[in-house]
Amino acid sequence: MKHAMLIAFALFAAITLSACSSEYIISTTSGQMIPTDGKPKLNNETGMVEYKDAEGRKATILQSDVKSVIER
C-alpha cells in the first residue's frame, strides 16, 4: 500500500512540475527558431522581447525581429 501511494505521489509531483514551465519557440523574420524556457514577455518601454534561452540565460530580441511565438 505504501509503495502504491509513493508512486501516485511521484506521478502527481512530476505532472505538476512539468505543467509549470512551458517551452516556447520564437520564430524570427530571418528564419531563425529560438527555443525558450518559459513564455517570452514584451517590454513595452524598450520594444524588446525578453526570454530565457534553453539553458536558462536571460536574452532579448527586438519585437520587430519576432515573426511569431509558438508554445511547444
N, C-alpha and C. Protein backbone atom coordinates (compact mmCIF):
# COMPACT_ATOMS: atom_id res chain seq x y z
N MET A 1 0.82 -1.19 0.00
CA MET A 1 0.00 0.00 0.00
C MET A 1 0.86 1.26 0.00
N LYS A 2 1.92 1.26 0.82
CA LYS A 2 2.82 2.42 0.86
C LYS A 2 3.49 2.65 -0.48
N HIS A 3 3.83 1.54 -1.13
CA HIS A 3 4.50 1.62 -2.42
C HIS A 3 3.58 2.29 -3.46
N ALA A 4 2.32 1.92 -3.48
CA ALA A 4 1.36 2.50 -4.43
C ALA A 4 1.15 3.98 -4.15
N MET A 5 1.10 4.37 -2.88
CA MET A 5 0.93 5.77 -2.53
C MET A 5 2.16 6.58 -2.94
N LEU A 6 3.33 6.01 -2.77
CA LEU A 6 4.57 6.67 -3.16
C LEU A 6 4.62 6.89 -4.67
N ILE A 7 4.22 5.90 -5.43
CA ILE A 7 4.19 6.03 -6.89
C ILE A 7 3.17 7.08 -7.31
N ALA A 8 2.00 7.08 -6.70
CA ALA A 8 0.97 8.07 -7.02
C ALA A 8 1.47 9.48 -6.71
N PHE A 9 2.14 9.66 -5.59
CA PHE A 9 2.67 10.97 -5.23
C PHE A 9 3.75 11.42 -6.21
N ALA A 10 4.61 10.50 -6.61
CA ALA A 10 5.68 10.82 -7.56
C ALA A 10 5.11 11.23 -8.92
N LEU A 11 4.08 10.53 -9.38
CA LEU A 11 3.44 10.89 -10.64
C LEU A 11 2.78 12.26 -10.55
N PHE A 12 2.09 12.52 -9.44
CA PHE A 12 1.44 13.81 -9.24
C PHE A 12 2.47 14.93 -9.24
N ALA A 13 3.58 14.74 -8.56
CA ALA A 13 4.64 15.76 -8.50
C ALA A 13 5.24 16.00 -9.88
N ALA A 14 5.46 14.95 -10.64
CA ALA A 14 6.04 15.09 -11.98
C ALA A 14 5.10 15.85 -12.91
N ILE A 15 3.83 15.54 -12.84
CA ILE A 15 2.85 16.23 -13.69
C ILE A 15 2.74 17.70 -13.29
N THR A 16 2.72 17.97 -12.01
CA THR A 16 2.61 19.34 -11.52
C THR A 16 3.82 20.16 -11.93
N LEU A 17 5.00 19.62 -11.77
CA LEU A 17 6.21 20.36 -12.12
C LEU A 17 6.35 20.56 -13.62
N SER A 18 5.94 19.61 -14.41
CA SER A 18 6.07 19.76 -15.85
C SER A 18 5.08 20.79 -16.39
N ALA A 19 3.98 21.00 -15.72
CA ALA A 19 2.99 21.99 -16.16
C ALA A 19 3.46 23.41 -15.85
N CYS A 20 4.37 23.59 -14.94
CA CYS A 20 4.81 24.92 -14.54
C CYS A 20 5.69 25.61 -15.57
N SER A 21 6.50 24.86 -16.26
CA SER A 21 7.39 25.51 -17.23
C SER A 21 7.08 24.98 -18.62
N SER A 22 6.63 25.87 -19.46
CA SER A 22 6.34 25.51 -20.84
C SER A 22 7.48 25.98 -21.72
N GLU A 23 7.68 25.27 -22.79
CA GLU A 23 8.68 25.68 -23.76
C GLU A 23 7.98 26.40 -24.90
N TYR A 24 8.60 27.45 -25.37
CA TYR A 24 8.10 28.21 -26.50
C TYR A 24 9.20 28.29 -27.55
N ILE A 25 8.79 28.54 -28.77
CA ILE A 25 9.72 28.74 -29.87
C ILE A 25 9.46 30.14 -30.43
N ILE A 26 10.51 30.95 -30.52
CA ILE A 26 10.41 32.26 -31.15
C ILE A 26 10.89 32.10 -32.59
N SER A 27 10.02 32.41 -33.53
CA SER A 27 10.36 32.38 -34.94
C SER A 27 10.70 33.81 -35.35
N THR A 28 11.88 34.01 -35.92
CA THR A 28 12.31 35.36 -36.29
C THR A 28 12.04 35.63 -37.77
N THR A 29 12.09 36.90 -38.13
CA THR A 29 11.87 37.28 -39.53
C THR A 29 12.99 36.77 -40.44
N SER A 30 14.15 36.46 -39.87
CA SER A 30 15.26 35.92 -40.67
C SER A 30 15.20 34.40 -40.79
N GLY A 31 14.18 33.77 -40.16
CA GLY A 31 14.01 32.32 -40.27
C GLY A 31 14.61 31.52 -39.12
N GLN A 32 15.21 32.20 -38.16
CA GLN A 32 15.81 31.51 -37.02
C GLN A 32 14.70 31.04 -36.07
N MET A 33 14.90 29.88 -35.46
CA MET A 33 13.98 29.32 -34.48
C MET A 33 14.71 29.28 -33.15
N ILE A 34 14.20 30.04 -32.16
CA ILE A 34 14.87 30.15 -30.86
C ILE A 34 14.03 29.45 -29.81
N PRO A 35 14.51 28.33 -29.24
CA PRO A 35 13.77 27.67 -28.15
C PRO A 35 13.94 28.47 -26.86
N THR A 36 12.85 28.60 -26.09
CA THR A 36 12.90 29.35 -24.84
C THR A 36 12.41 28.48 -23.69
N ASP A 37 12.80 28.86 -22.50
CA ASP A 37 12.33 28.21 -21.28
C ASP A 37 11.35 29.17 -20.63
N GLY A 38 10.07 28.93 -20.79
CA GLY A 38 9.05 29.83 -20.28
C GLY A 38 8.57 30.76 -21.37
N LYS A 39 7.48 31.48 -21.08
CA LYS A 39 6.86 32.35 -22.07
C LYS A 39 7.63 33.66 -22.20
N PRO A 40 7.99 34.05 -23.41
CA PRO A 40 8.65 35.35 -23.62
C PRO A 40 7.71 36.49 -23.26
N LYS A 41 8.29 37.61 -22.79
CA LYS A 41 7.49 38.77 -22.39
C LYS A 41 7.96 40.00 -23.15
N LEU A 42 6.99 40.82 -23.57
CA LEU A 42 7.31 42.06 -24.26
C LEU A 42 7.51 43.17 -23.25
N ASN A 43 8.63 43.88 -23.36
CA ASN A 43 8.89 45.05 -22.55
C ASN A 43 8.49 46.26 -23.40
N ASN A 44 7.35 46.87 -23.06
CA ASN A 44 6.82 47.97 -23.86
C ASN A 44 7.72 49.20 -23.85
N GLU A 45 8.48 49.39 -22.79
CA GLU A 45 9.36 50.56 -22.69
C GLU A 45 10.52 50.48 -23.68
N THR A 46 11.08 49.29 -23.86
CA THR A 46 12.25 49.13 -24.72
C THR A 46 11.92 48.58 -26.10
N GLY A 47 10.73 47.98 -26.26
CA GLY A 47 10.39 47.35 -27.53
C GLY A 47 11.10 46.03 -27.75
N MET A 48 11.60 45.45 -26.66
CA MET A 48 12.33 44.18 -26.74
C MET A 48 11.48 43.05 -26.17
N VAL A 49 11.65 41.87 -26.73
CA VAL A 49 11.04 40.66 -26.20
C VAL A 49 12.08 40.00 -25.31
N GLU A 50 11.73 39.80 -24.05
CA GLU A 50 12.65 39.21 -23.08
C GLU A 50 12.28 37.75 -22.86
N TYR A 51 13.29 36.90 -22.79
CA TYR A 51 13.05 35.46 -22.59
C TYR A 51 14.28 34.83 -21.96
N LYS A 52 14.10 33.60 -21.50
CA LYS A 52 15.23 32.79 -21.04
C LYS A 52 15.48 31.74 -22.11
N ASP A 53 16.74 31.59 -22.51
CA ASP A 53 17.04 30.60 -23.54
C ASP A 53 16.95 29.20 -22.94
N ALA A 54 17.17 28.21 -23.76
CA ALA A 54 17.03 26.81 -23.34
C ALA A 54 17.96 26.45 -22.19
N GLU A 55 19.05 27.21 -22.02
CA GLU A 55 20.00 26.95 -20.94
C GLU A 55 19.73 27.81 -19.70
N GLY A 56 18.65 28.61 -19.74
CA GLY A 56 18.27 29.40 -18.57
C GLY A 56 18.87 30.79 -18.50
N ARG A 57 19.60 31.21 -19.53
CA ARG A 57 20.19 32.56 -19.55
C ARG A 57 19.18 33.57 -20.07
N LYS A 58 19.19 34.79 -19.48
CA LYS A 58 18.29 35.84 -19.95
C LYS A 58 18.79 36.38 -21.28
N ALA A 59 17.84 36.65 -22.19
CA ALA A 59 18.19 37.18 -23.51
C ALA A 59 17.06 38.08 -23.99
N THR A 60 17.35 38.89 -24.99
CA THR A 60 16.35 39.78 -25.58
C THR A 60 16.48 39.77 -27.09
N ILE A 61 15.38 40.16 -27.74
CA ILE A 61 15.35 40.30 -29.19
C ILE A 61 14.37 41.43 -29.50
N LEU A 62 14.66 42.19 -30.54
CA LEU A 62 13.76 43.27 -30.93
C LEU A 62 12.39 42.71 -31.33
N GLN A 63 11.34 43.39 -30.91
CA GLN A 63 9.99 42.95 -31.24
C GLN A 63 9.79 42.89 -32.75
N SER A 64 10.39 43.82 -33.48
CA SER A 64 10.24 43.84 -34.94
C SER A 64 10.91 42.65 -35.62
N ASP A 65 11.84 41.98 -34.92
CA ASP A 65 12.51 40.80 -35.46
C ASP A 65 11.74 39.50 -35.19
N VAL A 66 10.69 39.58 -34.36
CA VAL A 66 9.92 38.39 -33.99
C VAL A 66 8.76 38.22 -34.98
N LYS A 67 8.72 37.07 -35.64
CA LYS A 67 7.63 36.76 -36.56
C LYS A 67 6.46 36.14 -35.81
N SER A 68 6.76 35.17 -34.91
CA SER A 68 5.71 34.54 -34.12
C SER A 68 6.32 33.85 -32.91
N VAL A 69 5.46 33.58 -31.91
CA VAL A 69 5.84 32.83 -30.73
C VAL A 69 4.89 31.65 -30.62
N ILE A 70 5.44 30.45 -30.59
CA ILE A 70 4.64 29.23 -30.60
C ILE A 70 4.91 28.43 -29.34
N GLU A 71 3.83 28.00 -28.66
CA GLU A 71 4.01 27.14 -27.50
C GLU A 71 4.27 25.73 -27.99
N ARG A 72 5.21 25.08 -27.36
CA ARG A 72 5.63 23.75 -27.75
C ARG A 72 4.94 22.70 -26.93
